[in-house]
Structure formats: structure tokens, C-alpha cells
Amino acid sequence: MGKIVRSLKFIYPVVFIYWLVSKFANVEENSFFSVFYEMSSLIVVLITIAIPIFLIVYWFKNRNQFSVAALLLHLLFSIINIVLMISDPYLFK
């Protein structure tokens, strides 16, 4: 249980920092960077969407090890990341 929570505490800031850096990155100048950016943005979006699904399944299987408050907190951070990704019109150009 502890390893999963520690890994999620690492994933949330990475996804948010990736989104924040993408606001200032100029992907139109360098073609290699633009291809890398497009592929990595797809991976980040898939990870962001997969986290809440994984958390809900994990909570159903291990209800006594994972509290409802922790589940709601992690789902809140996931929803914030998903809203940021969806509301970004320049994520996929």
C-alpha cells in the first residue's frame, strides 16, 4: 500500500509540471521535439485517465488498507489533472 501512495505522490506533480512546461515550450521550431512532445503528451493523458480507474479498482479490492479519505484525495488530484488536460486546446495540435 505504501509504495502505491508514494508513486502516486510522484506522478501527480510530474503530470502537472509536464502540462505547465508544455505551455511555454515552442514545439513548432524543432521537428524532433514536436514529435517527442506529441508522443509524450499522449502517454501523459493515458496515465492521467488510468490513475482514477486503477485507484477505484484497488480500493474495491483492499478496502481495509486504503481509506475513503485517501481515495477521495487522490481522485480529486486526478480530476484536476484531467480537467487541465482536457481544457488545454494546444495539447494536441
Protein backbone atom coordinates (compact mmCIF):
# COMPACT_ATOMS: atom_id res chain seq x y z
CA MET A 1 0.00 0.00 0.00
CA GLY A 2 2.75 2.45 0.88
CA LYS A 3 4.55 2.00 -2.44
CA ILE A 4 1.42 2.82 -4.41
CA VAL A 5 0.72 6.01 -2.47
CA ARG A 6 4.36 7.11 -2.76
CA SER A 7 4.33 6.52 -6.51
CA LEU A 8 1.11 8.50 -6.91
CA LYS A 9 2.59 11.38 -4.93
CA PHE A 10 5.35 11.39 -7.55
CA ILE A 11 3.10 11.01 -10.61
CA TYR A 12 0.73 13.92 -9.87
CA PRO A 13 3.42 16.64 -9.79
CA VAL A 14 5.13 15.16 -12.87
CA VAL A 15 1.90 15.33 -14.87
CA PHE A 16 1.21 18.87 -13.69
CA ILE A 17 4.78 20.05 -14.39
CA TYR A 18 4.64 18.44 -17.84
CA TRP A 19 1.44 20.36 -18.59
CA LEU A 20 2.91 23.60 -17.24
CA VAL A 21 6.13 23.27 -19.26
CA SER A 22 4.11 22.48 -22.37
CA LYS A 23 2.51 25.92 -22.10
CA PHE A 24 5.90 27.59 -22.64
CA ALA A 25 7.57 25.10 -25.00
CA ASN A 26 7.79 26.10 -28.63
CA VAL A 27 7.30 22.82 -30.45
CA GLU A 28 7.00 24.37 -33.90
CA GLU A 29 10.69 25.24 -34.28
CA ASN A 30 12.25 21.82 -33.73
CA SER A 31 10.64 18.88 -35.52
CA PHE A 32 12.25 16.23 -33.27
CA PHE A 33 10.97 17.99 -30.17
CA SER A 34 7.48 18.29 -31.65
CA VAL A 35 7.32 14.53 -32.38
CA PHE A 36 8.63 13.74 -28.89
CA TYR A 37 6.12 16.18 -27.38
CA GLU A 38 3.16 14.68 -29.24
CA MET A 39 4.05 11.11 -28.25
CA SER A 40 4.75 12.00 -24.63
CA SER A 41 1.55 14.04 -24.34
CA LEU A 42 -0.44 11.01 -25.44
CA ILE A 43 1.28 8.88 -22.79
CA VAL A 44 0.67 11.52 -20.08
CA VAL A 45 -3.02 11.76 -20.97
CA LEU A 46 -3.41 7.97 -20.86
CA ILE A 47 -1.65 7.81 -17.47
CA THR A 48 -3.82 10.64 -16.14
CA ILE A 49 -7.00 8.85 -17.18
CA ALA A 50 -5.80 5.43 -15.97
CA ILE A 51 -4.96 6.58 -12.42
CA PRO A 52 -8.57 7.06 -11.20
CA ILE A 53 -9.65 3.75 -12.72
CA PHE A 54 -6.75 1.97 -11.02
CA LEU A 55 -7.49 3.67 -7.69
CA ILE A 56 -11.15 2.68 -7.69
CA VAL A 57 -10.35 -0.95 -8.55
CA TYR A 58 -7.58 -1.03 -5.91
CA TRP A 59 -9.92 0.44 -3.29
CA PHE A 60 -12.62 -2.17 -4.01
CA LYS A 61 -10.10 -4.99 -3.62
CA ASN A 62 -8.37 -3.59 -0.47
CA ARG A 63 -10.97 -1.58 1.42
CA ASN A 64 -9.36 -2.16 4.80
CA GLN A 65 -5.93 -0.86 3.68
CA PHE A 66 -6.99 2.24 1.72
CA SER A 67 -9.20 4.79 3.44
CA VAL A 68 -12.05 6.61 1.76
CA ALA A 69 -10.44 9.98 2.53
CA ALA A 70 -7.23 8.95 0.76
CA LEU A 71 -9.24 7.66 -2.20
CA LEU A 72 -11.16 10.93 -2.48
CA LEU A 73 -7.98 12.99 -2.21
CA HIS A 74 -6.29 11.02 -4.98
CA LEU A 75 -9.40 11.19 -7.15
CA LEU A 76 -9.54 14.96 -6.62
CA PHE A 77 -5.97 15.36 -7.87
CA SER A 78 -6.74 13.08 -10.81
CA ILE A 79 -9.81 15.11 -11.72
CA ILE A 80 -7.81 18.35 -11.57
CA ASN A 81 -5.19 16.88 -13.90
CA ILE A 82 -7.83 15.56 -16.30
CA VAL A 83 -9.62 18.93 -16.41
CA LEU A 84 -6.32 20.69 -17.11
CA MET A 85 -5.53 18.26 -19.91
CA ILE A 86 -8.99 18.48 -21.50
CA SER A 87 -9.24 22.26 -21.24
CA ASP A 88 -5.86 22.75 -22.93
CA PRO A 89 -6.60 23.43 -26.61
CA TYR A 90 -2.93 23.22 -27.60
CA LEU A 91 -2.17 19.85 -26.03
CA PHE A 92 -2.71 18.08 -29.35
CA LYS A 93 -2.06 20.35 -32.30
